[in-house]
Amino acid sequence: MSKGEETPRHAEESMPVPRRGGDRAQYGACAFLALVGAGVIIDAARIGHATSSNDPIGPRPVPMLLGVLLLVVAGVYAVDVARGGTGEQESGEDIDLTTSIGWRTISLLVGVFMANALLIDSLGWVISGSALFWGSALALGSRRYLTSLAVAVALSLVTFYVFAIGLGVNLPAGVLQGIL
């Protein structure tokens, strides 16, 4: 376009014009956020007051804070919707909507997760977690078999020890009981 020419008419028509007052679907999302926030606050209020020398504030403040934050987000979102604010259209996604769903990948991932659920008690987290991470990587297209396996084993060992030492939650050791 040369200087002084207007933008083509079809480009202006494709852009949505924000409507003052918003739409009902966005208000529904605001209401949902507000209900979840109120539910979290009500549930947190029912938590008994329990403090110890290790935890002087107890378990109540974090869910209360999250509930209040959900209510604040719902309110800010409702004000934005009322002022005509809309989300941006998808512009950066590299998705071809004409292609079919990759049922093979989905089936492989479901199979890997099911195998993990069935094997975690007998084989333990480190082995079943390694199989979960490695199988997921392969299902999603990784062709670096040994690198993926090494990363999977390292990731499952790290999560095993983070849960055991850092959080005090013992994951099943399975056949590696006494070794780990």
N, C-alpha and C. Protein backbone atom coordinates (compact mmCIF):
# COMPACT_ATOMS: atom_id res chain seq x y z
N MET A 1 0.83 -1.17 0.00
CA MET A 1 0.00 0.00 0.00
C MET A 1 0.87 1.24 0.00
N SER A 2 0.45 2.20 -0.73
CA SER A 2 1.19 3.45 -0.75
C SER A 2 0.69 4.35 0.36
N LYS A 3 1.43 5.39 0.58
CA LYS A 3 1.09 6.31 1.66
C LYS A 3 -0.26 6.97 1.39
N GLY A 4 -1.09 7.00 2.40
CA GLY A 4 -2.39 7.66 2.28
C GLY A 4 -3.52 6.70 1.95
N GLU A 5 -3.21 5.45 1.55
CA GLU A 5 -4.28 4.50 1.25
C GLU A 5 -4.85 3.94 2.55
N GLU A 6 -6.12 3.59 2.52
CA GLU A 6 -6.77 3.02 3.69
C GLU A 6 -6.53 1.52 3.73
N THR A 7 -6.74 0.97 4.92
CA THR A 7 -6.67 -0.48 5.04
C THR A 7 -7.84 -1.11 4.31
N PRO A 8 -7.63 -2.30 3.77
CA PRO A 8 -8.73 -2.95 3.06
C PRO A 8 -9.92 -3.17 3.99
N ARG A 9 -11.09 -3.07 3.43
CA ARG A 9 -12.32 -3.17 4.20
C ARG A 9 -12.46 -4.54 4.87
N HIS A 10 -12.04 -5.60 4.18
CA HIS A 10 -12.21 -6.95 4.74
C HIS A 10 -11.33 -7.16 5.97
N ALA A 11 -10.21 -6.47 6.10
CA ALA A 11 -9.37 -6.60 7.29
C ALA A 11 -10.06 -6.01 8.51
N GLU A 12 -10.77 -4.91 8.32
CA GLU A 12 -11.47 -4.29 9.44
C GLU A 12 -12.67 -5.12 9.87
N GLU A 13 -13.32 -5.78 8.92
CA GLU A 13 -14.51 -6.56 9.24
C GLU A 13 -14.18 -7.82 10.02
N SER A 14 -12.97 -8.37 9.86
CA SER A 14 -12.63 -9.62 10.53
C SER A 14 -12.31 -9.41 12.00
N MET A 15 -12.01 -8.20 12.41
CA MET A 15 -11.69 -7.93 13.80
C MET A 15 -12.99 -7.74 14.60
N PRO A 16 -13.13 -8.45 15.74
CA PRO A 16 -14.35 -8.30 16.52
C PRO A 16 -14.39 -6.94 17.20
N VAL A 17 -15.56 -6.37 17.24
CA VAL A 17 -15.76 -5.09 17.91
C VAL A 17 -16.23 -5.39 19.32
N PRO A 18 -15.50 -4.90 20.35
CA PRO A 18 -15.93 -5.18 21.72
C PRO A 18 -17.30 -4.57 21.99
N ARG A 19 -18.14 -5.37 22.60
CA ARG A 19 -19.50 -4.95 22.90
C ARG A 19 -19.57 -4.47 24.33
N ARG A 20 -20.12 -3.33 24.53
CA ARG A 20 -20.25 -2.80 25.89
C ARG A 20 -21.26 -3.65 26.64
N GLY A 21 -20.92 -4.08 27.84
CA GLY A 21 -21.82 -4.90 28.62
C GLY A 21 -21.41 -6.37 28.62
N GLY A 22 -20.54 -6.79 27.72
CA GLY A 22 -20.03 -8.15 27.69
C GLY A 22 -21.04 -9.18 27.25
N ASP A 23 -20.60 -10.42 27.23
CA ASP A 23 -21.52 -11.49 26.86
C ASP A 23 -21.75 -12.41 28.05
N ARG A 24 -22.81 -13.20 27.95
CA ARG A 24 -23.23 -14.02 29.07
C ARG A 24 -22.26 -15.15 29.38
N ALA A 25 -21.56 -15.65 28.37
CA ALA A 25 -20.61 -16.73 28.62
C ALA A 25 -19.46 -16.26 29.51
N GLN A 26 -19.00 -15.05 29.27
CA GLN A 26 -17.92 -14.53 30.10
C GLN A 26 -18.41 -14.24 31.52
N TYR A 27 -19.63 -13.77 31.64
CA TYR A 27 -20.21 -13.58 32.97
C TYR A 27 -20.38 -14.93 33.68
N GLY A 28 -20.67 -15.97 32.91
CA GLY A 28 -20.75 -17.30 33.48
C GLY A 28 -19.41 -17.75 34.04
N ALA A 29 -18.33 -17.44 33.33
CA ALA A 29 -17.00 -17.77 33.83
C ALA A 29 -16.70 -16.99 35.11
N CYS A 30 -17.12 -15.72 35.15
CA CYS A 30 -16.95 -14.90 36.37
C CYS A 30 -17.70 -15.53 37.53
N ALA A 31 -18.94 -15.93 37.28
CA ALA A 31 -19.76 -16.53 38.33
C ALA A 31 -19.14 -17.84 38.81
N PHE A 32 -18.61 -18.63 37.89
CA PHE A 32 -17.97 -19.89 38.26
C PHE A 32 -16.76 -19.63 39.15
N LEU A 33 -15.92 -18.67 38.78
CA LEU A 33 -14.76 -18.32 39.61
C LEU A 33 -15.20 -17.86 40.99
N ALA A 34 -16.25 -17.04 41.04
CA ALA A 34 -16.75 -16.55 42.32
C ALA A 34 -17.29 -17.70 43.18
N LEU A 35 -18.01 -18.64 42.57
CA LEU A 35 -18.53 -19.79 43.32
C LEU A 35 -17.40 -20.67 43.85
N VAL A 36 -16.39 -20.90 43.02
CA VAL A 36 -15.26 -21.71 43.47
C VAL A 36 -14.54 -20.99 44.62
N GLY A 37 -14.33 -19.67 44.47
CA GLY A 37 -13.69 -18.91 45.54
C GLY A 37 -14.48 -18.96 46.83
N ALA A 38 -15.80 -18.78 46.75
CA ALA A 38 -16.64 -18.84 47.94
C ALA A 38 -16.61 -20.24 48.55
N GLY A 39 -16.62 -21.26 47.70
CA GLY A 39 -16.55 -22.63 48.19
C GLY A 39 -15.25 -22.92 48.91
N VAL A 40 -14.16 -22.40 48.37
CA VAL A 40 -12.85 -22.61 49.02
C VAL A 40 -12.82 -21.90 50.37
N ILE A 41 -13.36 -20.69 50.43
CA ILE A 41 -13.37 -19.96 51.70
C ILE A 41 -14.24 -20.67 52.73
N ILE A 42 -15.42 -21.13 52.32
CA ILE A 42 -16.32 -21.83 53.25
C ILE A 42 -15.67 -23.11 53.74
N ASP A 43 -15.04 -23.85 52.82
CA ASP A 43 -14.37 -25.09 53.20
C ASP A 43 -13.19 -24.82 54.13
N ALA A 44 -12.44 -23.75 53.85
CA ALA A 44 -11.29 -23.42 54.69
C ALA A 44 -11.72 -22.97 56.08
N ALA A 45 -12.89 -22.34 56.17
CA ALA A 45 -13.38 -21.89 57.47
C ALA A 45 -13.73 -23.07 58.37
N ARG A 46 -14.01 -24.22 57.78
CA ARG A 46 -14.36 -25.41 58.55
C ARG A 46 -13.14 -26.19 59.02
N ILE A 47 -11.96 -25.79 58.58
CA ILE A 47 -10.74 -26.47 59.01
C ILE A 47 -10.51 -26.14 60.49
N GLY A 48 -10.29 -27.17 61.27
CA GLY A 48 -10.05 -26.95 62.69
C GLY A 48 -8.76 -26.19 62.94
N HIS A 49 -8.72 -25.47 64.04
CA HIS A 49 -7.54 -24.69 64.38
C HIS A 49 -6.50 -25.64 64.97
N ALA A 50 -5.46 -25.90 64.22
CA ALA A 50 -4.41 -26.80 64.67
C ALA A 50 -3.07 -26.14 64.41
N THR A 51 -2.35 -25.87 65.46
CA THR A 51 -1.01 -25.30 65.32
C THR A 51 -0.04 -26.15 66.10
N SER A 52 1.19 -26.06 65.72
CA SER A 52 2.25 -26.77 66.43
C SER A 52 3.50 -25.91 66.39
N SER A 53 4.54 -26.39 67.01
CA SER A 53 5.78 -25.61 67.01
C SER A 53 6.38 -25.55 65.61
N ASN A 54 6.10 -26.55 64.78
CA ASN A 54 6.60 -26.57 63.40
C ASN A 54 5.76 -25.70 62.48
N ASP A 55 4.49 -25.52 62.82
CA ASP A 55 3.56 -24.79 61.96
C ASP A 55 2.71 -23.86 62.82
N PRO A 56 3.22 -22.67 63.16
CA PRO A 56 2.49 -21.80 64.09
C PRO A 56 1.22 -21.18 63.51
N ILE A 57 1.06 -21.13 62.19
CA ILE A 57 -0.13 -20.50 61.64
C ILE A 57 -1.23 -21.49 61.29
N GLY A 58 -0.92 -22.76 61.17
CA GLY A 58 -1.92 -23.76 60.89
C GLY A 58 -2.25 -23.89 59.42
N PRO A 59 -3.20 -24.77 59.08
CA PRO A 59 -3.51 -25.07 57.68
C PRO A 59 -4.54 -24.14 57.05
N ARG A 60 -5.12 -23.22 57.79
CA ARG A 60 -6.23 -22.42 57.28
C ARG A 60 -5.84 -21.25 56.36
N PRO A 61 -4.76 -20.52 56.58
CA PRO A 61 -4.51 -19.29 55.80
C PRO A 61 -4.33 -19.48 54.31
N VAL A 62 -3.68 -20.53 53.87
CA VAL A 62 -3.42 -20.69 52.43
C VAL A 62 -4.71 -20.88 51.65
N PRO A 63 -5.61 -21.79 52.03
CA PRO A 63 -6.86 -21.87 51.26
C PRO A 63 -7.72 -20.61 51.37
N MET A 64 -7.66 -19.94 52.52
CA MET A 64 -8.42 -18.68 52.64
C MET A 64 -7.87 -17.65 51.66
N LEU A 65 -6.56 -17.54 51.57
CA LEU A 65 -5.93 -16.61 50.64
C LEU A 65 -6.30 -16.95 49.20
N LEU A 66 -6.25 -18.23 48.86
CA LEU A 66 -6.62 -18.64 47.50
C LEU A 66 -8.08 -18.33 47.19
N GLY A 67 -8.97 -18.56 48.15
CA GLY A 67 -10.38 -18.24 47.94
C GLY A 67 -10.60 -16.76 47.73
N VAL A 68 -9.92 -15.93 48.53
CA VAL A 68 -10.04 -14.48 48.37
C VAL A 68 -9.49 -14.05 47.01
N LEU A 69 -8.36 -14.62 46.63
CA LEU A 69 -7.78 -14.28 45.31
C LEU A 69 -8.71 -14.69 44.17
N LEU A 70 -9.39 -15.83 44.30
CA LEU A 70 -10.36 -16.23 43.28
C LEU A 70 -11.51 -15.24 43.20
N LEU A 71 -11.98 -14.76 44.34
CA LEU A 71 -13.05 -13.76 44.35
C LEU A 71 -12.58 -12.45 43.72
N VAL A 72 -11.36 -12.04 44.01
CA VAL A 72 -10.81 -10.82 43.42
C VAL A 72 -10.70 -10.95 41.91
N VAL A 73 -10.18 -12.09 41.44
CA VAL A 73 -10.06 -12.32 40.00
C VAL A 73 -11.43 -12.32 39.35
N ALA A 74 -12.42 -12.93 39.98
CA ALA A 74 -13.78 -12.94 39.44
C ALA A 74 -14.32 -11.53 39.33
N GLY A 75 -14.10 -10.71 40.35
CA GLY A 75 -14.56 -9.33 40.32
C GLY A 75 -13.88 -8.50 39.25
N VAL A 76 -12.56 -8.61 39.15
CA VAL A 76 -11.81 -7.86 38.13
C VAL A 76 -12.23 -8.31 36.73
N TYR A 77 -12.42 -9.60 36.57
CA TYR A 77 -12.84 -10.14 35.28
C TYR A 77 -14.24 -9.62 34.92
N ALA A 78 -15.15 -9.57 35.89
CA ALA A 78 -16.51 -9.07 35.63
C ALA A 78 -16.48 -7.60 35.24
N VAL A 79 -15.64 -6.81 35.89
CA VAL A 79 -15.52 -5.40 35.53
C VAL A 79 -14.97 -5.26 34.12
N ASP A 80 -13.97 -6.06 33.79
CA ASP A 80 -13.40 -6.03 32.44
C ASP A 80 -14.44 -6.40 31.39
N VAL A 81 -15.23 -7.42 31.66
CA VAL A 81 -16.28 -7.84 30.73
C VAL A 81 -17.32 -6.74 30.57
N ALA A 82 -17.69 -6.11 31.68
CA ALA A 82 -18.70 -5.04 31.63
C ALA A 82 -18.20 -3.84 30.82
N ARG A 83 -16.92 -3.62 30.82
CA ARG A 83 -16.35 -2.51 30.05
C ARG A 83 -16.12 -2.87 28.59
N GLY A 84 -16.45 -4.09 28.20
CA GLY A 84 -16.33 -4.49 26.81
C GLY A 84 -15.04 -5.21 26.48
N GLY A 85 -14.29 -5.61 27.47
CA GLY A 85 -13.04 -6.32 27.23
C GLY A 85 -13.28 -7.72 26.69
N THR A 86 -12.50 -8.10 25.71
CA THR A 86 -12.58 -9.45 25.15
C THR A 86 -11.18 -10.01 25.04
N GLY A 87 -11.07 -11.31 25.03
CA GLY A 87 -9.78 -11.95 24.84
C GLY A 87 -9.31 -11.83 23.41
N GLU A 88 -8.01 -11.94 23.23
CA GLU A 88 -7.48 -11.89 21.87
C GLU A 88 -7.77 -13.19 21.15
N GLN A 89 -7.95 -13.07 19.84
CA GLN A 89 -8.16 -14.28 19.05
C GLN A 89 -6.87 -15.07 18.97
N GLU A 90 -7.01 -16.36 18.77
CA GLU A 90 -5.86 -17.22 18.59
C GLU A 90 -5.11 -16.79 17.35
N SER A 91 -3.88 -16.36 17.51
CA SER A 91 -3.14 -15.92 16.34
C SER A 91 -1.81 -16.63 16.20
N GLY A 92 -1.25 -17.08 17.29
CA GLY A 92 0.08 -17.65 17.23
C GLY A 92 0.12 -19.16 17.22
N GLU A 93 -1.01 -19.80 17.28
CA GLU A 93 -1.02 -21.25 17.32
C GLU A 93 -0.64 -21.83 15.97
N ASP A 94 0.18 -22.84 16.01
CA ASP A 94 0.59 -23.51 14.79
C ASP A 94 -0.17 -24.83 14.70
N ILE A 95 -1.48 -24.72 14.58
CA ILE A 95 -2.35 -25.89 14.56
C ILE A 95 -3.12 -25.90 13.25
N ASP A 96 -3.11 -27.04 12.61
CA ASP A 96 -3.90 -27.20 11.40
C ASP A 96 -5.20 -27.88 11.79
N LEU A 97 -6.28 -27.12 11.80
CA LEU A 97 -7.56 -27.64 12.25
C LEU A 97 -8.18 -28.63 11.28
N THR A 98 -7.61 -28.76 10.10
CA THR A 98 -8.17 -29.70 9.12
C THR A 98 -7.61 -31.10 9.31
N THR A 99 -6.56 -31.28 10.10
CA THR A 99 -6.00 -32.61 10.30
C THR A 99 -6.84 -33.38 11.32
N SER A 100 -6.73 -34.68 11.25
CA SER A 100 -7.51 -35.52 12.16
C SER A 100 -6.80 -35.63 13.51
N ILE A 101 -7.51 -36.15 14.49
CA ILE A 101 -6.96 -36.34 15.83
C ILE A 101 -5.97 -37.49 15.78
N GLY A 102 -4.86 -37.35 16.49
CA GLY A 102 -3.84 -38.39 16.54
C GLY A 102 -4.21 -39.47 17.54
N TRP A 103 -5.11 -40.35 17.14
CA TRP A 103 -5.60 -41.38 18.06
C TRP A 103 -4.50 -42.33 18.48
N ARG A 104 -3.51 -42.54 17.64
CA ARG A 104 -2.40 -43.43 18.00
C ARG A 104 -1.65 -42.87 19.21
N THR A 105 -1.34 -41.58 19.17
CA THR A 105 -0.63 -40.94 20.27
C THR A 105 -1.46 -40.96 21.54
N ILE A 106 -2.73 -40.65 21.42
CA ILE A 106 -3.62 -40.66 22.59
C ILE A 106 -3.72 -42.06 23.17
N SER A 107 -3.85 -43.06 22.32
CA SER A 107 -3.94 -44.45 22.78
C SER A 107 -2.66 -44.88 23.49
N LEU A 108 -1.51 -44.51 22.92
CA LEU A 108 -0.24 -44.85 23.56
C LEU A 108 -0.10 -44.18 24.92
N LEU A 109 -0.48 -42.92 25.02
CA LEU A 109 -0.40 -42.22 26.30
C LEU A 109 -1.34 -42.83 27.34
N VAL A 110 -2.56 -43.16 26.93
CA VAL A 110 -3.50 -43.81 27.85
C VAL A 110 -2.93 -45.16 28.30
N GLY A 111 -2.36 -45.91 27.38
CA GLY A 111 -1.75 -47.19 27.73
C GLY A 111 -0.60 -47.06 28.71
N VAL A 112 0.24 -46.06 28.50
CA VAL A 112 1.38 -45.84 29.40
C VAL A 112 0.90 -45.45 30.79
N PHE A 113 -0.11 -44.58 30.87
CA PHE A 113 -0.65 -44.19 32.18
C PHE A 113 -1.33 -45.37 32.87
N MET A 114 -2.05 -46.18 32.12
CA MET A 114 -2.69 -47.36 32.72
C MET A 114 -1.64 -48.35 33.22
N ALA A 115 -0.59 -48.57 32.43
CA ALA A 115 0.48 -49.47 32.86
C ALA A 115 1.14 -48.95 34.14
N ASN A 116 1.34 -47.65 34.23
CA ASN A 116 1.92 -47.08 35.44
C ASN A 116 1.01 -47.33 36.64
N ALA A 117 -0.29 -47.11 36.46
CA ALA A 117 -1.23 -47.32 37.56
C ALA A 117 -1.25 -48.78 38.01
N LEU A 118 -1.12 -49.71 37.07
CA LEU A 118 -1.16 -51.13 37.42
C LEU A 118 0.16 -51.64 38.00
N LEU A 119 1.28 -51.04 37.62
CA LEU A 119 2.58 -51.56 38.02
C LEU A 119 3.24 -50.84 39.19
N ILE A 120 2.70 -49.71 39.60
CA ILE A 120 3.39 -48.91 40.60
C ILE A 120 3.53 -49.63 41.94
N ASP A 121 2.53 -50.41 42.34
CA ASP A 121 2.62 -51.11 43.62
C ASP A 121 3.60 -52.27 43.58
N SER A 122 3.59 -53.02 42.50
CA SER A 122 4.46 -54.20 42.45
C SER A 122 5.90 -53.85 42.07
N LEU A 123 6.10 -52.98 41.08
CA LEU A 123 7.46 -52.65 40.66
C LEU A 123 8.04 -51.46 41.40
N GLY A 124 7.19 -50.59 41.92
CA GLY A 124 7.66 -49.41 42.62
C GLY A 124 7.67 -48.19 41.71
N TRP A 125 7.78 -47.01 42.35
CA TRP A 125 7.70 -45.76 41.59
C TRP A 125 8.86 -45.59 40.63
N VAL A 126 10.06 -45.93 41.04
CA VAL A 126 11.22 -45.65 40.18
C VAL A 126 11.11 -46.39 38.86
N ILE A 127 10.73 -47.64 38.88
CA ILE A 127 10.63 -48.41 37.64
C ILE A 127 9.38 -48.00 36.86
N SER A 128 8.22 -47.94 37.53
CA SER A 128 7.00 -47.59 36.81
C SER A 128 7.03 -46.12 36.37
N GLY A 129 7.63 -45.25 37.17
CA GLY A 129 7.76 -43.84 36.78
C GLY A 129 8.69 -43.68 35.59
N SER A 130 9.78 -44.45 35.58
CA SER A 130 10.69 -44.42 34.42
C SER A 130 9.96 -44.89 33.16
N ALA A 131 9.18 -45.94 33.30
CA ALA A 131 8.41 -46.43 32.15
C ALA A 131 7.38 -45.39 31.71
N LEU A 132 6.76 -44.72 32.70
CA LEU A 132 5.78 -43.67 32.39
C LEU A 132 6.43 -42.53 31.61
N PHE A 133 7.52 -42.00 32.12
CA PHE A 133 8.18 -40.87 31.47
C PHE A 133 8.76 -41.26 30.11
N TRP A 134 9.39 -42.43 30.03
CA TRP A 134 10.00 -42.87 28.77
C TRP A 134 8.92 -43.18 27.74
N GLY A 135 7.88 -43.89 28.16
CA GLY A 135 6.78 -44.19 27.24
C GLY A 135 6.07 -42.95 26.75
N SER A 136 5.89 -41.97 27.63
CA SER A 136 5.26 -40.71 27.21
C SER A 136 6.12 -39.97 26.21
N ALA A 137 7.42 -39.95 26.46
CA ALA A 137 8.33 -39.28 25.52
C ALA A 137 8.30 -39.95 24.15
N LEU A 138 8.29 -41.27 24.14
CA LEU A 138 8.25 -41.99 22.86
C LEU A 138 6.90 -41.79 22.17
N ALA A 139 5.82 -41.81 22.93
CA ALA A 139 4.50 -41.62 22.34
C ALA A 139 4.35 -40.24 21.73
N LEU A 140 5.03 -39.26 22.32
CA LEU A 140 4.94 -37.89 21.82
C LEU A 140 5.97 -37.59 20.74
N GLY A 141 6.74 -38.60 20.32
CA GLY A 141 7.58 -38.44 19.14
C GLY A 141 9.08 -38.40 19.36
N SER A 142 9.56 -38.63 20.56
CA SER A 142 11.01 -38.63 20.77
C SER A 142 11.63 -39.83 20.08
N ARG A 143 12.73 -39.60 19.39
CA ARG A 143 13.44 -40.70 18.73
C ARG A 143 14.83 -40.88 19.31
N ARG A 144 15.11 -40.20 20.38
CA ARG A 144 16.38 -40.37 21.10
C ARG A 144 16.12 -41.35 22.23
N TYR A 145 16.15 -42.62 21.91
CA TYR A 145 15.71 -43.65 22.84
C TYR A 145 16.54 -43.69 24.12
N LEU A 146 17.86 -43.71 23.99
CA LEU A 146 18.71 -43.82 25.18
C LEU A 146 18.69 -42.53 26.00
N THR A 147 18.70 -41.39 25.33
CA THR A 147 18.64 -40.13 26.06
C THR A 147 17.32 -40.01 26.81
N SER A 148 16.23 -40.38 26.14
CA SER A 148 14.92 -40.32 26.80
C SER A 148 14.86 -41.26 27.99
N LEU A 149 15.44 -42.45 27.85
CA LEU A 149 15.46 -43.41 28.95
C LEU A 149 16.29 -42.87 30.12
N ALA A 150 17.45 -42.29 29.84
CA ALA A 150 18.29 -41.74 30.90
C ALA A 150 17.57 -40.60 31.63
N VAL A 151 16.92 -39.73 30.88
CA VAL A 151 16.17 -38.62 31.49
C VAL A 151 15.01 -39.17 32.32
N ALA A 152 14.33 -40.19 31.81
CA ALA A 152 13.20 -40.78 32.54
C ALA A 152 13.64 -41.39 33.86
N VAL A 153 14.75 -42.13 33.85
CA VAL A 153 15.24 -42.74 35.08
C VAL A 153 15.68 -41.65 36.07
N ALA A 154 16.38 -40.64 35.58
CA ALA A 154 16.82 -39.55 36.45
C ALA A 154 15.63 -38.81 37.04
N LEU A 155 14.63 -38.54 36.22
CA LEU A 155 13.44 -37.83 36.68
C LEU A 155 12.68 -38.63 37.73
N SER A 156 12.54 -39.92 37.52
CA SER A 156 11.82 -40.73 38.51
C SER A 156 12.62 -40.87 39.80
N LEU A 157 13.95 -40.97 39.72
CA LEU A 157 14.75 -41.01 40.94
C LEU A 157 14.68 -39.70 41.71
N VAL A 158 14.77 -38.59 40.98
CA VAL A 158 14.70 -37.28 41.64
C VAL A 158 13.34 -37.10 42.31
N THR A 159 12.26 -37.43 41.62
CA THR A 159 10.94 -37.27 42.23
C THR A 159 10.77 -38.21 43.42
N PHE A 160 11.33 -39.42 43.34
CA PHE A 160 11.25 -40.36 44.45
C PHE A 160 11.90 -39.77 45.71
N TYR A 161 13.10 -39.22 45.54
CA TYR A 161 13.81 -38.68 46.70
C TYR A 161 13.26 -37.33 47.15
N VAL A 162 12.74 -36.52 46.23
CA VAL A 162 12.12 -35.26 46.64
C VAL A 162 10.89 -35.55 47.49
N PHE A 163 10.10 -36.52 47.08
CA PHE A 163 8.92 -36.87 47.87
C PHE A 163 9.34 -37.49 49.21
N ALA A 164 10.32 -38.39 49.19
CA ALA A 164 10.71 -39.09 50.41
C ALA A 164 11.43 -38.17 51.39
N ILE A 165 12.43 -37.45 50.93
CA ILE A 165 13.24 -36.64 51.84
C ILE A 165 12.63 -35.25 52.04
N GLY A 166 12.26 -34.61 50.94
CA GLY A 166 11.78 -33.24 51.03
C GLY A 166 10.38 -33.11 51.60
N LEU A 167 9.48 -34.01 51.22
CA LEU A 167 8.09 -33.89 51.64
C LEU A 167 7.68 -34.91 52.70
N GLY A 168 8.50 -35.92 52.92
CA GLY A 168 8.16 -36.94 53.90
C GLY A 168 7.08 -37.89 53.43
N VAL A 169 6.88 -38.00 52.11
CA VAL A 169 5.88 -38.89 51.54
C VAL A 169 6.62 -40.05 50.89
N ASN A 170 6.35 -41.25 51.38
CA ASN A 170 7.04 -42.42 50.85
C ASN A 170 6.29 -42.98 49.65
N LEU A 171 6.91 -42.92 48.50
CA LEU A 171 6.37 -43.56 47.30
C LEU A 171 6.76 -45.03 47.35
N PRO A 172 5.99 -45.91 46.72
CA PRO A 172 6.31 -47.34 46.77
C PRO A 172 7.67 -47.63 46.11
N ALA A 173 8.48 -48.40 46.82
CA ALA A 173 9.79 -48.77 46.28
C ALA A 173 9.71 -50.05 45.47
N GLY A 174 8.71 -50.89 45.72
CA GLY A 174 8.52 -52.12 44.94
C GLY A 174 9.69 -53.07 45.05
N VAL A 175 10.15 -53.55 43.91
CA VAL A 175 11.25 -54.53 43.89
C VAL A 175 12.58 -53.93 44.32
N LEU A 176 12.66 -52.62 44.35
CA LEU A 176 13.90 -51.96 44.77
C LEU A 176 13.91 -51.63 46.26
N GLN A 177 12.97 -52.21 47.02
CA GLN A 177 12.92 -52.00 48.47
C GLN A 177 14.24 -52.43 49.08
N GLY A 178 14.84 -51.61 49.88
CA GLY A 178 16.13 -51.92 50.51
C GLY A 178 17.32 -51.42 49.71
N ILE A 179 17.12 -51.17 48.42
CA ILE A 179 18.19 -50.66 47.57
C ILE A 179 18.17 -49.14 47.55
N LEU A 180 16.95 -48.58 47.50
CA LEU A 180 16.82 -47.11 47.44
C LEU A 180 16.90 -46.49 48.81
